[in-house]
Protein backbone atom coordinates (compact mmCIF):
# COMPACT_ATOMS: atom_id res chain seq x y z
CA MET A 1 14.15 -11.29 -11.30
CA THR A 2 11.80 -12.21 -14.61
CA ASP A 3 8.62 -12.78 -13.38
CA ASN A 4 6.12 -10.06 -11.83
CA ARG A 5 5.61 -11.46 -8.37
CA SER A 6 9.29 -11.40 -8.09
CA LYS A 7 9.59 -7.94 -9.31
CA GLY A 8 6.61 -6.92 -7.16
CA SER A 9 7.97 -8.25 -4.00
CA PHE A 10 11.45 -6.78 -4.24
CA HIS A 11 9.91 -3.57 -4.83
CA GLU A 12 7.33 -3.80 -1.84
CA THR A 13 10.53 -4.81 0.44
CA ILE A 14 12.13 -1.56 -0.85
CA ALA A 15 8.77 0.64 -0.15
CA ILE A 16 8.90 -1.17 3.34
CA GLU A 17 12.46 -0.12 4.04
CA TYR A 18 11.70 3.42 3.22
CA LEU A 19 8.80 3.53 5.41
CA LYS A 20 10.77 2.07 8.47
CA ASN A 21 13.16 4.68 7.63
CA LYS A 22 10.45 7.10 8.12
CA GLY A 23 9.33 5.72 11.33
CA TYR A 24 6.24 3.53 10.33
CA ARG A 25 5.99 0.00 12.05
CA ILE A 26 4.95 -2.54 9.66
CA ILE A 27 2.06 -5.00 10.61
CA ALA A 28 1.69 -7.09 7.57
CA ARG A 29 2.48 -7.41 4.30
CA ASN A 30 0.75 -8.88 1.37
CA GLU A 31 -2.57 -8.94 3.49
CA LEU A 32 -5.06 -11.16 1.39
CA ASN A 33 -8.57 -11.87 2.17
CA ARG A 34 -11.79 -12.85 -0.52
CA PHE A 35 -11.80 -8.99 -1.14
CA GLY A 36 -8.26 -8.65 -2.48
CA GLU A 37 -4.89 -7.92 -1.25
CA ILE A 38 -3.28 -4.99 0.34
CA ASP A 39 0.56 -4.55 -0.02
CA ILE A 40 1.38 -3.16 3.16
CA ILE A 41 -0.42 -2.24 6.53
CA SER A 42 1.68 -0.05 9.17
CA ILE A 43 1.16 2.40 11.81
CA SER A 44 2.43 5.88 10.97
CA PRO A 45 4.42 7.86 13.33
CA ASP A 46 1.46 9.67 14.23
CA GLY A 47 -0.21 6.53 15.28
CA LYS A 48 -2.77 6.14 12.31
CA LEU A 49 -3.50 2.69 10.58
CA VAL A 50 -2.42 2.90 7.24
CA PHE A 51 -2.85 0.99 4.07
CA THR A 52 -0.34 1.38 1.64
CA GLU A 53 -0.34 0.41 -2.22
CA VAL A 54 2.82 0.10 -3.88
CA LYS A 55 3.26 0.23 -7.54
CA TYR A 56 6.61 0.00 -9.96
CA ARG A 57 7.53 0.81 -13.50
CA LYS A 58 10.88 0.43 -14.75
CA SER A 59 10.48 3.69 -16.57
CA ALA A 60 7.33 6.29 -17.35
CA ARG A 61 7.39 5.05 -20.98
CA ARG A 62 4.11 2.91 -19.94
CA GLY A 63 2.91 5.49 -17.63
CA TYR A 64 3.77 6.55 -14.24
CA PRO A 65 3.41 4.02 -11.23
CA LEU A 66 0.34 5.70 -9.31
CA GLU A 67 -1.53 6.15 -12.51
CA ALA A 68 -2.56 2.16 -12.24
CA VAL A 69 -3.91 2.99 -8.72
CA ASP A 70 -7.36 3.67 -10.13
CA ALA A 71 -11.18 3.87 -8.54
CA VAL A 72 -11.40 0.13 -9.01
CA LYS A 73 -8.22 -0.75 -7.39
CA GLN A 74 -9.07 1.69 -4.56
CA ARG A 75 -12.36 0.18 -4.47
CA LYS A 76 -10.59 -3.33 -4.13
CA ILE A 77 -8.37 -1.88 -1.17
CA SER A 78 -11.22 -0.09 0.51
CA ARG A 79 -13.17 -3.34 0.67
CA ALA A 80 -9.88 -5.46 1.63
CA SER A 81 -9.13 -3.04 4.44
CA ALA A 82 -12.63 -2.83 5.92
CA TYR A 83 -12.56 -6.86 6.13
CA TYR A 84 -9.36 -6.33 7.44
CA LEU A 85 -10.49 -3.96 10.19
CA ASN A 86 -13.34 -6.22 11.00
CA SER A 87 -11.66 -9.08 11.42
CA HIS A 88 -8.71 -7.47 13.44
CA ARG A 89 -10.66 -5.54 16.09
CA GLU A 90 -7.26 -4.29 18.18
CA TYR A 91 -6.90 -1.28 15.19
CA SER A 92 -10.96 -0.33 15.53
CA ASN A 93 -9.98 2.67 17.42
CA ARG A 94 -7.36 3.84 15.30
CA GLN A 95 -7.93 6.56 12.29
CA ILE A 96 -6.82 5.15 8.95
CA ARG A 97 -5.35 6.49 6.00
CA TYR A 98 -4.69 4.73 2.38
CA ASP A 99 -1.60 5.87 1.06
CA CYS A 100 0.53 5.14 -2.29
CA ILE A 101 3.85 4.49 -2.85
CA GLY A 102 5.11 4.82 -6.70
CA ILE A 103 8.60 3.64 -7.47
CA ILE A 104 10.19 4.77 -10.94
CA GLY A 105 13.26 3.36 -11.81
CA ASP A 106 15.10 4.58 -8.35
CA GLU A 107 13.07 7.36 -7.39
CA ILE A 108 10.28 6.41 -4.55
CA LYS A 109 6.97 8.52 -4.54
CA HIS A 110 5.01 8.58 -1.42
CA ILE A 111 1.84 9.73 -1.83
CA GLU A 112 0.09 10.25 2.23
CA ASN A 113 -3.89 10.18 1.90
CA ALA A 114 -4.00 9.34 -1.54
CA PHE A 115 -7.29 8.48 -1.58
CA ASN A 116 -10.41 7.72 0.65
CA TYR A 117 -12.68 4.79 1.34
CA VAL A 118 -14.31 3.70 -1.47
CA GLY A 119 -17.57 1.64 -0.87
């Protein structure tokens, strides 16, 4: 894999398989709207609608992957999720959560409730 898009897609697939193995039901992947992109949208085992950001690093040499989910990124994800919820009313009665999955080498770190809505 040479380009970043291919690498991102590959590691998002790994994250999806990880989530499925934990009992999540995947609803959407790479959901794009005018406010940004959400890597994975799923229903958690306890019924919450989960918006997940996936970050990958080959090694920690350039920092840990989850460090890249800064306040600006959180705001983009929050706004994109609000737009998604507005156009997918079937999920309006569910609690929502924002998770992050960091992949460094072969190690996966899943942080549930990584941040709250940032408006």
